[in-house]
Structure formats: C-alpha cells, structure tokens
Amino acid sequence: KLLLHATAPAADADQNVLGPGRITDVSFTGVSTQYLVEVPGVGTVTVFAQNLVFGAVYPVGVEVWVAWHREHTFGLDSDARADAAEGDELAAAASVSSDEAA
C-alpha cells in the first residue's frame, strides 16, 4: 500500500509521507519490484510495487517520497516489542529444555 513519488506529494490530511529518501536497491521479482529507500532519520523503508503496464520504474540513486493512505496505518502497543522479546526468550528456553530431555 506504499506509493513512490518522484516529487513531494501535495499536503493531504488523508496521506502520510516520508521523504525525501534515496533508492538504494531495486529488485525485480516477477509480479512486483522491490525498492529499498533510505530515508534520513528513519532508516530503510521497503516498498513493493506491483508491475503494471503503466507507471514509473525508478533506478538506484533517485530521490523519492514514500506515501500511503491514512487508512493503511496502524499503531503498535508500546509493550508489543517487550512482549515479543519475552516470547522469544521463552521459546528458546523451551527448545533447550526439550533438547536436554532427549
């Protein structure tokens, strides 16, 4: 649901925008093209663009903006990362326990 733009999109309350960023990698994967976009202060954003008959193909090094509609946004619980890490530790402990029992 991410879109790439060669110029800064017009301000729109229904759209989130990151950028400008620079494309660092482009990979054609058959039905889509994967773009890695390095956005200062954010990091690398991965964008999958469906390969259609129309639409721009952006090369490595091009400056772009990444945009998406507000309805495609969701927030994460601030404790979600801590819960995930705890779950990983429990899974690792269970794996060690089952190996020791064998």
N, C-alpha and C. Protein backbone atom coordinates (compact mmCIF):
# COMPACT_ATOMS: atom_id res chain seq x y z
N LYS A 1 0.82 -1.20 0.00
CA LYS A 1 0.00 0.00 0.00
C LYS A 1 0.86 1.27 0.00
N LEU A 2 2.18 1.10 -0.14
CA LEU A 2 3.07 2.25 -0.22
C LEU A 2 3.24 2.68 -1.67
N LEU A 3 3.32 3.97 -1.87
CA LEU A 3 3.49 4.53 -3.21
C LEU A 3 4.77 5.35 -3.26
N LEU A 4 5.47 5.30 -4.38
CA LEU A 4 6.66 6.13 -4.58
C LEU A 4 6.29 7.32 -5.45
N HIS A 5 6.87 8.48 -5.10
CA HIS A 5 6.64 9.71 -5.86
C HIS A 5 7.99 10.34 -6.18
N ALA A 6 8.15 10.82 -7.41
CA ALA A 6 9.39 11.48 -7.82
C ALA A 6 9.47 12.91 -7.31
N THR A 7 8.34 13.50 -6.94
CA THR A 7 8.30 14.84 -6.35
C THR A 7 7.48 14.77 -5.07
N ALA A 8 7.66 15.74 -4.21
CA ALA A 8 6.92 15.76 -2.94
C ALA A 8 5.42 15.83 -3.21
N PRO A 9 4.65 14.88 -2.66
CA PRO A 9 3.20 14.93 -2.85
C PRO A 9 2.60 16.16 -2.19
N ALA A 10 1.50 16.63 -2.72
CA ALA A 10 0.79 17.76 -2.12
C ALA A 10 0.32 17.37 -0.72
N ALA A 11 0.29 18.34 0.17
CA ALA A 11 -0.19 18.09 1.54
C ALA A 11 -1.61 17.56 1.48
N ASP A 12 -1.85 16.48 2.22
CA ASP A 12 -3.17 15.84 2.22
C ASP A 12 -3.36 15.18 3.58
N ALA A 13 -4.43 15.54 4.27
CA ALA A 13 -4.68 15.00 5.61
C ALA A 13 -4.94 13.51 5.58
N ASP A 14 -5.30 12.95 4.44
CA ASP A 14 -5.58 11.51 4.34
C ASP A 14 -4.37 10.69 3.92
N GLN A 15 -3.19 11.32 3.90
CA GLN A 15 -1.99 10.64 3.41
C GLN A 15 -0.81 10.91 4.33
N ASN A 16 -0.02 9.88 4.58
CA ASN A 16 1.24 10.02 5.31
C ASN A 16 2.37 10.01 4.29
N VAL A 17 3.42 10.80 4.55
CA VAL A 17 4.54 10.90 3.61
C VAL A 17 5.85 10.86 4.37
N LEU A 18 6.81 10.09 3.85
CA LEU A 18 8.19 10.09 4.34
C LEU A 18 9.07 10.54 3.19
N GLY A 19 10.04 11.38 3.50
CA GLY A 19 10.97 11.75 2.45
C GLY A 19 11.41 13.19 2.57
N PRO A 20 12.30 13.55 1.70
CA PRO A 20 12.78 12.72 0.61
C PRO A 20 13.73 11.62 1.09
N GLY A 21 13.78 10.57 0.32
CA GLY A 21 14.70 9.47 0.56
C GLY A 21 15.37 9.12 -0.75
N ARG A 22 16.34 8.22 -0.68
CA ARG A 22 17.06 7.83 -1.89
C ARG A 22 16.96 6.32 -2.07
N ILE A 23 16.66 5.89 -3.29
CA ILE A 23 16.57 4.46 -3.59
C ILE A 23 17.98 3.88 -3.57
N THR A 24 18.17 2.83 -2.75
CA THR A 24 19.48 2.20 -2.62
C THR A 24 19.55 0.83 -3.29
N ASP A 25 18.38 0.25 -3.60
CA ASP A 25 18.36 -1.06 -4.25
C ASP A 25 17.03 -1.25 -4.97
N VAL A 26 17.09 -1.89 -6.12
CA VAL A 26 15.89 -2.22 -6.90
C VAL A 26 16.00 -3.68 -7.30
N SER A 27 14.97 -4.48 -6.97
CA SER A 27 14.96 -5.90 -7.32
C SER A 27 13.66 -6.26 -8.02
N PHE A 28 13.75 -6.73 -9.25
CA PHE A 28 12.59 -7.19 -9.99
C PHE A 28 12.28 -8.61 -9.52
N THR A 29 11.04 -8.85 -9.09
CA THR A 29 10.68 -10.17 -8.56
C THR A 29 9.54 -10.81 -9.33
N GLY A 30 9.39 -10.49 -10.59
CA GLY A 30 8.32 -11.08 -11.40
C GLY A 30 7.08 -10.21 -11.41
N VAL A 31 6.20 -10.43 -10.44
CA VAL A 31 4.94 -9.67 -10.39
C VAL A 31 5.10 -8.31 -9.73
N SER A 32 6.25 -8.09 -9.07
CA SER A 32 6.46 -6.81 -8.40
C SER A 32 7.94 -6.43 -8.46
N THR A 33 8.20 -5.19 -8.10
CA THR A 33 9.56 -4.70 -7.96
C THR A 33 9.73 -4.22 -6.53
N GLN A 34 10.81 -4.65 -5.90
CA GLN A 34 11.10 -4.23 -4.52
C GLN A 34 12.10 -3.08 -4.56
N TYR A 35 11.75 -2.00 -3.87
CA TYR A 35 12.63 -0.85 -3.74
C TYR A 35 13.05 -0.72 -2.28
N LEU A 36 14.34 -0.50 -2.04
CA LEU A 36 14.81 -0.12 -0.71
C LEU A 36 15.09 1.37 -0.77
N VAL A 37 14.44 2.11 0.13
CA VAL A 37 14.55 3.56 0.14
C VAL A 37 15.14 3.97 1.49
N GLU A 38 16.28 4.64 1.45
CA GLU A 38 16.92 5.13 2.67
C GLU A 38 16.39 6.53 2.94
N VAL A 39 15.69 6.67 4.07
CA VAL A 39 15.10 7.95 4.45
C VAL A 39 15.86 8.48 5.66
N PRO A 40 16.54 9.63 5.55
CA PRO A 40 17.29 10.18 6.68
C PRO A 40 16.42 10.32 7.93
N GLY A 41 16.96 9.87 9.05
CA GLY A 41 16.25 9.96 10.32
C GLY A 41 15.24 8.85 10.54
N VAL A 42 14.99 8.04 9.52
CA VAL A 42 14.02 6.94 9.63
C VAL A 42 14.70 5.60 9.43
N GLY A 43 15.53 5.50 8.41
CA GLY A 43 16.18 4.23 8.07
C GLY A 43 15.72 3.75 6.71
N THR A 44 15.84 2.45 6.49
CA THR A 44 15.47 1.87 5.21
C THR A 44 14.01 1.46 5.21
N VAL A 45 13.29 1.90 4.19
CA VAL A 45 11.88 1.55 4.00
C VAL A 45 11.82 0.65 2.77
N THR A 46 11.15 -0.49 2.89
CA THR A 46 10.98 -1.41 1.76
C THR A 46 9.63 -1.17 1.11
N VAL A 47 9.64 -0.97 -0.19
CA VAL A 47 8.40 -0.73 -0.95
C VAL A 47 8.29 -1.80 -2.04
N PHE A 48 7.16 -2.51 -2.06
CA PHE A 48 6.87 -3.46 -3.14
C PHE A 48 5.88 -2.79 -4.08
N ALA A 49 6.27 -2.62 -5.33
CA ALA A 49 5.40 -2.00 -6.33
C ALA A 49 4.97 -3.07 -7.32
N GLN A 50 3.66 -3.22 -7.50
CA GLN A 50 3.14 -4.18 -8.46
C GLN A 50 3.59 -3.77 -9.86
N ASN A 51 4.08 -4.73 -10.63
CA ASN A 51 4.50 -4.45 -12.00
C ASN A 51 3.27 -4.39 -12.90
N LEU A 52 2.95 -3.20 -13.31
CA LEU A 52 1.81 -2.96 -14.19
C LEU A 52 2.31 -2.49 -15.54
N VAL A 53 1.44 -2.45 -16.51
CA VAL A 53 1.81 -1.99 -17.84
C VAL A 53 2.21 -0.52 -17.81
N PHE A 54 1.62 0.23 -16.88
CA PHE A 54 1.91 1.66 -16.79
C PHE A 54 2.60 1.94 -15.45
N GLY A 55 3.14 3.12 -15.32
CA GLY A 55 3.77 3.52 -14.07
C GLY A 55 5.28 3.62 -14.22
N ALA A 56 5.86 4.46 -13.40
CA ALA A 56 7.29 4.71 -13.46
C ALA A 56 8.08 3.57 -12.83
N VAL A 57 9.28 3.36 -13.35
CA VAL A 57 10.25 2.46 -12.74
C VAL A 57 11.41 3.35 -12.32
N TYR A 58 11.75 3.31 -11.04
CA TYR A 58 12.76 4.21 -10.50
C TYR A 58 14.10 3.48 -10.37
N PRO A 59 15.19 4.08 -10.85
CA PRO A 59 16.51 3.45 -10.72
C PRO A 59 17.17 3.78 -9.37
N VAL A 60 18.21 3.03 -9.05
CA VAL A 60 19.00 3.29 -7.85
C VAL A 60 19.55 4.71 -7.91
N GLY A 61 19.53 5.39 -6.77
CA GLY A 61 20.08 6.73 -6.66
C GLY A 61 19.08 7.85 -6.79
N VAL A 62 17.88 7.54 -7.25
CA VAL A 62 16.85 8.56 -7.45
C VAL A 62 16.26 8.99 -6.11
N GLU A 63 15.98 10.28 -5.99
CA GLU A 63 15.32 10.80 -4.79
C GLU A 63 13.81 10.60 -4.95
N VAL A 64 13.17 10.04 -3.90
CA VAL A 64 11.73 9.77 -3.94
C VAL A 64 11.11 10.08 -2.58
N TRP A 65 9.80 10.16 -2.59
CA TRP A 65 9.00 10.26 -1.37
C TRP A 65 8.15 9.00 -1.29
N VAL A 66 7.99 8.46 -0.09
CA VAL A 66 7.16 7.28 0.14
C VAL A 66 5.86 7.77 0.78
N ALA A 67 4.73 7.38 0.22
CA ALA A 67 3.44 7.84 0.74
C ALA A 67 2.49 6.66 0.88
N TRP A 68 1.54 6.79 1.81
CA TRP A 68 0.49 5.80 1.97
C TRP A 68 -0.72 6.47 2.57
N HIS A 69 -1.90 5.92 2.26
CA HIS A 69 -3.15 6.48 2.77
C HIS A 69 -3.29 6.20 4.26
N ARG A 70 -3.88 7.13 4.95
CA ARG A 70 -4.04 7.05 6.40
C ARG A 70 -4.75 5.76 6.83
N GLU A 71 -5.72 5.28 6.05
CA GLU A 71 -6.45 4.07 6.44
C GLU A 71 -5.57 2.81 6.40
N HIS A 72 -4.38 2.91 5.81
CA HIS A 72 -3.45 1.78 5.79
C HIS A 72 -2.43 1.87 6.91
N THR A 73 -2.68 2.72 7.89
CA THR A 73 -1.78 2.93 9.02
C THR A 73 -2.38 2.31 10.26
N PHE A 74 -1.54 1.71 11.09
CA PHE A 74 -2.00 1.22 12.39
C PHE A 74 -0.88 1.42 13.39
N GLY A 75 -1.25 1.61 14.63
CA GLY A 75 -0.29 1.82 15.69
C GLY A 75 0.06 0.52 16.38
N LEU A 76 1.21 0.50 17.00
CA LEU A 76 1.64 -0.66 17.77
C LEU A 76 1.62 -0.32 19.25
N ASP A 77 1.24 -1.27 20.06
CA ASP A 77 1.26 -1.11 21.51
C ASP A 77 2.71 -0.92 21.93
N SER A 78 2.97 0.03 22.81
CA SER A 78 4.35 0.30 23.23
C SER A 78 4.97 -0.90 23.92
N ASP A 79 4.17 -1.81 24.47
CA ASP A 79 4.69 -3.01 25.14
C ASP A 79 4.86 -4.18 24.18
N ALA A 80 4.46 -4.03 22.93
CA ALA A 80 4.50 -5.14 21.97
C ALA A 80 5.91 -5.66 21.78
N ARG A 81 6.89 -4.79 21.68
CA ARG A 81 8.28 -5.22 21.48
C ARG A 81 8.77 -5.98 22.69
N ALA A 82 8.46 -5.51 23.89
CA ALA A 82 8.89 -6.21 25.10
C ALA A 82 8.24 -7.58 25.17
N ASP A 83 6.95 -7.68 24.82
CA ASP A 83 6.26 -8.96 24.82
C ASP A 83 6.88 -9.92 23.81
N ALA A 84 7.24 -9.41 22.63
CA ALA A 84 7.84 -10.24 21.60
C ALA A 84 9.18 -10.78 22.07
N ALA A 85 9.99 -9.93 22.70
CA ALA A 85 11.29 -10.36 23.19
C ALA A 85 11.12 -11.42 24.28
N GLU A 86 10.15 -11.22 25.16
CA GLU A 86 9.89 -12.19 26.22
C GLU A 86 9.45 -13.52 25.61
N GLY A 87 8.62 -13.48 24.60
CA GLY A 87 8.17 -14.70 23.92
C GLY A 87 9.33 -15.42 23.27
N ASP A 88 10.28 -14.69 22.68
CA ASP A 88 11.45 -15.29 22.07
C ASP A 88 12.30 -16.00 23.11
N GLU A 89 12.45 -15.37 24.28
CA GLU A 89 13.23 -15.98 25.36
C GLU A 89 12.57 -17.26 25.86
N LEU A 90 11.24 -17.24 26.00
CA LEU A 90 10.52 -18.43 26.46
C LEU A 90 10.63 -19.55 25.44
N ALA A 91 10.54 -19.23 24.15
CA ALA A 91 10.66 -20.24 23.11
C ALA A 91 12.06 -20.85 23.11
N ALA A 92 13.08 -20.02 23.30
CA ALA A 92 14.45 -20.52 23.34
C ALA A 92 14.65 -21.42 24.55
N ALA A 93 14.09 -21.04 25.70
CA ALA A 93 14.21 -21.85 26.91
C ALA A 93 13.50 -23.19 26.72
N ALA A 94 12.34 -23.18 26.09
CA ALA A 94 11.60 -24.41 25.84
C ALA A 94 12.37 -25.32 24.90
N SER A 95 13.04 -24.74 23.91
CA SER A 95 13.82 -25.52 22.96
C SER A 95 14.99 -26.20 23.66
N VAL A 96 15.67 -25.47 24.55
CA VAL A 96 16.79 -26.03 25.30
C VAL A 96 16.29 -27.15 26.20
N SER A 97 15.16 -26.94 26.87
CA SER A 97 14.61 -27.95 27.77
C SER A 97 14.26 -29.22 27.02
N SER A 98 13.67 -29.10 25.83
CA SER A 98 13.29 -30.29 25.08
C SER A 98 14.52 -31.01 24.55
N ASP A 99 15.59 -30.28 24.22
CA ASP A 99 16.83 -30.90 23.77
C ASP A 99 17.49 -31.68 24.90
N GLU A 100 17.45 -31.11 26.10
CA GLU A 100 18.06 -31.75 27.26
C GLU A 100 17.30 -33.02 27.64
N ALA A 101 15.99 -33.03 27.43
CA ALA A 101 15.17 -34.18 27.80
C ALA A 101 15.42 -35.36 26.86
N ALA A 102 15.87 -35.10 25.67
CA ALA A 102 16.06 -36.17 24.66
C ALA A 102 17.27 -36.99 24.88
